[in-house]
Amino acid sequence: DEAKDPKIWSRVCMHNMARLAKEEITTRRVLESLFRYFDNGNLWSPQDGLALPVLLDMLFLMEKA
């Protein structure tokens, strides 16, 4: 069932964050939250990292919006 798939909801969340990030101040708040999450979870490393794919998706969605 798609409604229970975390991948679907993560994409919805990223899409909504990109829409919110149209304004400069909101962009800073969204990115600061993401960076803090990546720092706290040590998610910057290429081996275990989540940061690069998430930031690439965010960039794509922001350019598309």
C-alpha atoms as a PDB file:
ATOM      1  CA  ASP A   1       0.000   0.000   0.000  1.00  0.00           C
ATOM      2  CA  GLU A   2       1.536   3.306  -1.137  1.00  0.00           C
ATOM      3  CA  ALA A   3       0.041   5.272   1.758  1.00  0.00           C
ATOM      4  CA  LYS A   4       2.319   3.369   4.152  1.00  0.00           C
ATOM      5  CA  ASP A   5       5.478   3.622   2.047  1.00  0.00           C
ATOM      6  CA  PRO A   6       8.047   5.899   3.774  1.00  0.00           C
ATOM      7  CA  LYS A   7       9.658   6.679   0.401  1.00  0.00           C
ATOM      8  CA  ILE A   8       6.439   8.287  -0.798  1.00  0.00           C
ATOM      9  CA  TRP A   9       6.110  10.407   2.341  1.00  0.00           C
ATOM     10  CA  SER A  10       9.753  11.473   2.267  1.00  0.00           C
ATOM     11  CA  ARG A  11       9.273  12.715  -1.310  1.00  0.00           C
ATOM     12  CA  VAL A  12       6.115  14.568  -0.269  1.00  0.00           C
ATOM     13  CA  CYS A  13       8.033  16.144   2.604  1.00  0.00           C
ATOM     14  CA  MET A  14      10.936  17.185   0.339  1.00  0.00           C
ATOM     15  CA  HIS A  15       8.517  18.632  -2.211  1.00  0.00           C
ATOM     16  CA  ASN A  16       6.752  20.676   0.474  1.00  0.00           C
ATOM     17  CA  MET A  17      10.063  21.896   1.912  1.00  0.00           C
ATOM     18  CA  ALA A  18      11.194  23.000  -1.552  1.00  0.00           C
ATOM     19  CA  ARG A  19       7.929  24.897  -2.041  1.00  0.00           C
ATOM     20  CA  LEU A  20       8.391  26.615   1.319  1.00  0.00           C
ATOM     21  CA  ALA A  21      11.981  27.493   0.472  1.00  0.00           C
ATOM     22  CA  LYS A  22      11.036  29.967  -2.247  1.00  0.00           C
ATOM     23  CA  GLU A  23      11.657  32.847   0.139  1.00  0.00           C
ATOM     24  CA  GLU A  24      15.220  33.579   1.256  1.00  0.00           C
ATOM     25  CA  ILE A  25      14.527  33.484   5.010  1.00  0.00           C
ATOM     26  CA  THR A  26      12.504  30.297   4.704  1.00  0.00           C
ATOM     27  CA  THR A  27      15.266  28.711   2.609  1.00  0.00           C
ATOM     28  CA  ARG A  28      17.758  29.435   5.362  1.00  0.00           C
ATOM     29  CA  ARG A  29      15.482  27.910   8.002  1.00  0.00           C
ATOM     30  CA  VAL A  30      14.833  24.800   5.921  1.00  0.00           C
ATOM     31  CA  LEU A  31      18.523  24.280   5.120  1.00  0.00           C
ATOM     32  CA  GLU A  32      19.636  24.959   8.712  1.00  0.00           C
ATOM     33  CA  SER A  33      17.241  22.264   9.899  1.00  0.00           C
ATOM     34  CA  LEU A  34      18.567  19.809   7.316  1.00  0.00           C
ATOM     35  CA  PHE A  35      22.201  20.599   8.140  1.00  0.00           C
ATOM     36  CA  ARG A  36      21.556  20.200  11.870  1.00  0.00           C
ATOM     37  CA  TYR A  37      19.915  16.821  11.221  1.00  0.00           C
ATOM     38  CA  PHE A  38      22.846  15.702   9.064  1.00  0.00           C
ATOM     39  CA  ASP A  39      25.342  16.876  11.713  1.00  0.00           C
ATOM     40  CA  ASN A  40      23.544  15.183  14.609  1.00  0.00           C
ATOM     41  CA  GLY A  41      23.284  11.898  12.741  1.00  0.00           C
ATOM     42  CA  ASN A  42      26.786  12.054  11.215  1.00  0.00           C
ATOM     43  CA  LEU A  43      25.170  11.722   7.794  1.00  0.00           C
ATOM     44  CA  TRP A  44      27.758  13.619   5.743  1.00  0.00           C
ATOM     45  CA  SER A  45      30.101  10.712   5.010  1.00  0.00           C
ATOM     46  CA  PRO A  46      29.983   9.244   1.498  1.00  0.00           C
ATOM     47  CA  GLN A  47      29.718   5.684   2.871  1.00  0.00           C
ATOM     48  CA  ASP A  48      26.825   6.175   5.310  1.00  0.00           C
ATOM     49  CA  GLY A  49      25.687   9.553   4.148  1.00  0.00           C
ATOM     50  CA  LEU A  50      22.234  10.714   3.462  1.00  0.00           C
ATOM     51  CA  ALA A  51      23.161  14.355   2.924  1.00  0.00           C
ATOM     52  CA  LEU A  52      24.180  14.291  -0.747  1.00  0.00           C
ATOM     53  CA  PRO A  53      21.092  12.534  -2.155  1.00  0.00           C
ATOM     54  CA  VAL A  54      18.756  14.648  -0.015  1.00  0.00           C
ATOM     55  CA  LEU A  55      20.441  17.920  -0.983  1.00  0.00           C
ATOM     56  CA  LEU A  56      20.463  16.951  -4.667  1.00  0.00           C
ATOM     57  CA  ASP A  57      16.737  16.179  -4.500  1.00  0.00           C
ATOM     58  CA  MET A  58      16.129  19.452  -2.698  1.00  0.00           C
ATOM     59  CA  LEU A  59      18.071  21.390  -5.353  1.00  0.00           C
ATOM     60  CA  PHE A  60      16.160  19.683  -8.155  1.00  0.00           C
ATOM     61  CA  LEU A  61      12.808  20.416  -6.516  1.00  0.00           C
ATOM     62  CA  MET A  62      13.707  24.042  -5.767  1.00  0.00           C
ATOM     63  CA  GLU A  63      14.804  24.652  -9.365  1.00  0.00           C
ATOM     64  CA  LYS A  64      11.636  23.006 -10.631  1.00  0.00           C
ATOM     65  CA  ALA A  65       9.349  25.049  -8.341  1.00  0.00           C
END
